[in-house]
Amino acid sequence: MSGFDDLVNQGKELYEQNKDKIDDLLKSEQAEGISDKVLDGASDLAKKFLPDEHDGTIDSVRDNIDGAVGDK
């Protein structure tokens, strides 16, 4: 497992070194567009498989995630 632990630690270090750039990217207009498409597709898929009574919950989860990514 030490190889895996080393990889995880390298990832943590890389994140810490580029934290500001990553945060800026996650709050960009481009990230908003991509996340909207992915979230819309995922919520539509969930609505196809789950009973209609869960549509409100699916929309709520989608909106909460959308608020965390992108610029809107």
C-alpha atoms as a PDB file:
ATOM      1  CA  MET A   1       0.000   0.000   0.000  1.00  0.00           C
ATOM      2  CA  SER A   2       2.953   2.355   0.355  1.00  0.00           C
ATOM      3  CA  GLY A   3       2.923   2.964  -3.413  1.00  0.00           C
ATOM      4  CA  PHE A   4      -0.705   3.978  -3.198  1.00  0.00           C
ATOM      5  CA  ASP A   5      -0.031   6.158  -0.159  1.00  0.00           C
ATOM      6  CA  ASP A   6       2.803   7.869  -2.030  1.00  0.00           C
ATOM      7  CA  LEU A   7       0.479   8.572  -4.941  1.00  0.00           C
ATOM      8  CA  VAL A   8      -2.169  10.009  -2.605  1.00  0.00           C
ATOM      9  CA  ASN A   9       0.419  12.212  -0.894  1.00  0.00           C
ATOM     10  CA  GLN A  10       1.684  13.464  -4.251  1.00  0.00           C
ATOM     11  CA  GLY A  11      -1.896  14.312  -5.224  1.00  0.00           C
ATOM     12  CA  LYS A  12      -2.378  16.222  -1.966  1.00  0.00           C
ATOM     13  CA  GLU A  13       0.836  18.159  -2.504  1.00  0.00           C
ATOM     14  CA  LEU A  14      -0.118  18.974  -6.094  1.00  0.00           C
ATOM     15  CA  TYR A  15      -3.520  20.200  -4.937  1.00  0.00           C
ATOM     16  CA  GLU A  16      -2.030  22.385  -2.202  1.00  0.00           C
ATOM     17  CA  GLN A  17       0.463  23.916  -4.652  1.00  0.00           C
ATOM     18  CA  ASN A  18      -2.301  24.746  -7.156  1.00  0.00           C
ATOM     19  CA  LYS A  19      -5.245  25.337  -4.833  1.00  0.00           C
ATOM     20  CA  ASP A  20      -5.977  28.869  -6.081  1.00  0.00           C
ATOM     21  CA  LYS A  21      -5.870  27.851  -9.740  1.00  0.00           C
ATOM     22  CA  ILE A  22      -8.144  24.885  -9.098  1.00  0.00           C
ATOM     23  CA  ASP A  23     -10.640  27.025  -7.193  1.00  0.00           C
ATOM     24  CA  ASP A  24     -10.664  29.593 -10.016  1.00  0.00           C
ATOM     25  CA  LEU A  25     -11.245  26.852 -12.586  1.00  0.00           C
ATOM     26  CA  LEU A  26     -14.122  25.340 -10.611  1.00  0.00           C
ATOM     27  CA  LYS A  27     -15.786  28.758 -10.447  1.00  0.00           C
ATOM     28  CA  SER A  28     -15.344  29.546 -14.153  1.00  0.00           C
ATOM     29  CA  GLU A  29     -17.965  30.036 -16.856  1.00  0.00           C
ATOM     30  CA  GLN A  30     -16.570  27.017 -18.714  1.00  0.00           C
ATOM     31  CA  ALA A  31     -17.007  24.788 -15.649  1.00  0.00           C
ATOM     32  CA  GLU A  32     -20.583  26.084 -15.326  1.00  0.00           C
ATOM     33  CA  GLY A  33     -21.455  25.025 -18.869  1.00  0.00           C
ATOM     34  CA  ILE A  34     -19.918  21.591 -18.520  1.00  0.00           C
ATOM     35  CA  SER A  35     -21.432  20.963 -15.101  1.00  0.00           C
ATOM     36  CA  ASP A  36     -24.891  22.023 -16.303  1.00  0.00           C
ATOM     37  CA  LYS A  37     -24.790  19.488 -19.143  1.00  0.00           C
ATOM     38  CA  VAL A  38     -23.545  16.686 -16.898  1.00  0.00           C
ATOM     39  CA  LEU A  39     -25.996  17.457 -14.098  1.00  0.00           C
ATOM     40  CA  ASP A  40     -28.938  17.773 -16.498  1.00  0.00           C
ATOM     41  CA  GLY A  41     -28.095  14.417 -18.052  1.00  0.00           C
ATOM     42  CA  ALA A  42     -27.668  12.721 -14.686  1.00  0.00           C
ATOM     43  CA  SER A  43     -30.916  14.124 -13.293  1.00  0.00           C
ATOM     44  CA  ASP A  44     -32.836  13.168 -16.447  1.00  0.00           C
ATOM     45  CA  LEU A  45     -31.462   9.634 -16.217  1.00  0.00           C
ATOM     46  CA  ALA A  46     -32.378   9.365 -12.543  1.00  0.00           C
ATOM     47  CA  LYS A  47     -35.914  10.562 -13.303  1.00  0.00           C
ATOM     48  CA  LYS A  48     -36.309   7.840 -15.930  1.00  0.00           C
ATOM     49  CA  PHE A  49     -35.454   5.072 -13.453  1.00  0.00           C
ATOM     50  CA  LEU A  50     -36.962   6.374 -10.224  1.00  0.00           C
ATOM     51  CA  PRO A  51     -40.657   6.907  -9.465  1.00  0.00           C
ATOM     52  CA  ASP A  52     -42.055  10.384 -10.211  1.00  0.00           C
ATOM     53  CA  GLU A  53     -42.452  11.048  -6.488  1.00  0.00           C
ATOM     54  CA  HIS A  54     -38.634  11.514  -6.289  1.00  0.00           C
ATOM     55  CA  ASP A  55     -38.405  14.206  -8.991  1.00  0.00           C
ATOM     56  CA  GLY A  56     -38.343  17.038  -6.445  1.00  0.00           C
ATOM     57  CA  THR A  57     -35.490  15.443  -4.514  1.00  0.00           C
ATOM     58  CA  ILE A  58     -33.545  14.841  -7.722  1.00  0.00           C
ATOM     59  CA  ASP A  59     -33.984  18.492  -8.730  1.00  0.00           C
ATOM     60  CA  SER A  60     -32.916  19.664  -5.270  1.00  0.00           C
ATOM     61  CA  VAL A  61     -29.748  17.558  -5.310  1.00  0.00           C
ATOM     62  CA  ARG A  62     -28.950  18.720  -8.843  1.00  0.00           C
ATOM     63  CA  ASP A  63     -29.344  22.372  -7.833  1.00  0.00           C
ATOM     64  CA  ASN A  64     -27.175  21.962  -4.710  1.00  0.00           C
ATOM     65  CA  ILE A  65     -24.362  20.420  -6.725  1.00  0.00           C
ATOM     66  CA  ASP A  66     -24.720  23.060  -9.436  1.00  0.00           C
ATOM     67  CA  GLY A  67     -24.326  25.795  -6.825  1.00  0.00           C
ATOM     68  CA  ALA A  68     -20.929  24.402  -5.837  1.00  0.00           C
ATOM     69  CA  VAL A  69     -19.473  24.334  -9.372  1.00  0.00           C
ATOM     70  CA  GLY A  70     -19.246  27.112 -11.916  1.00  0.00           C
ATOM     71  CA  ASP A  71     -19.860  30.828 -11.784  1.00  0.00           C
ATOM     72  CA  LYS A  72     -23.649  30.907 -11.336  1.00  0.00           C
END
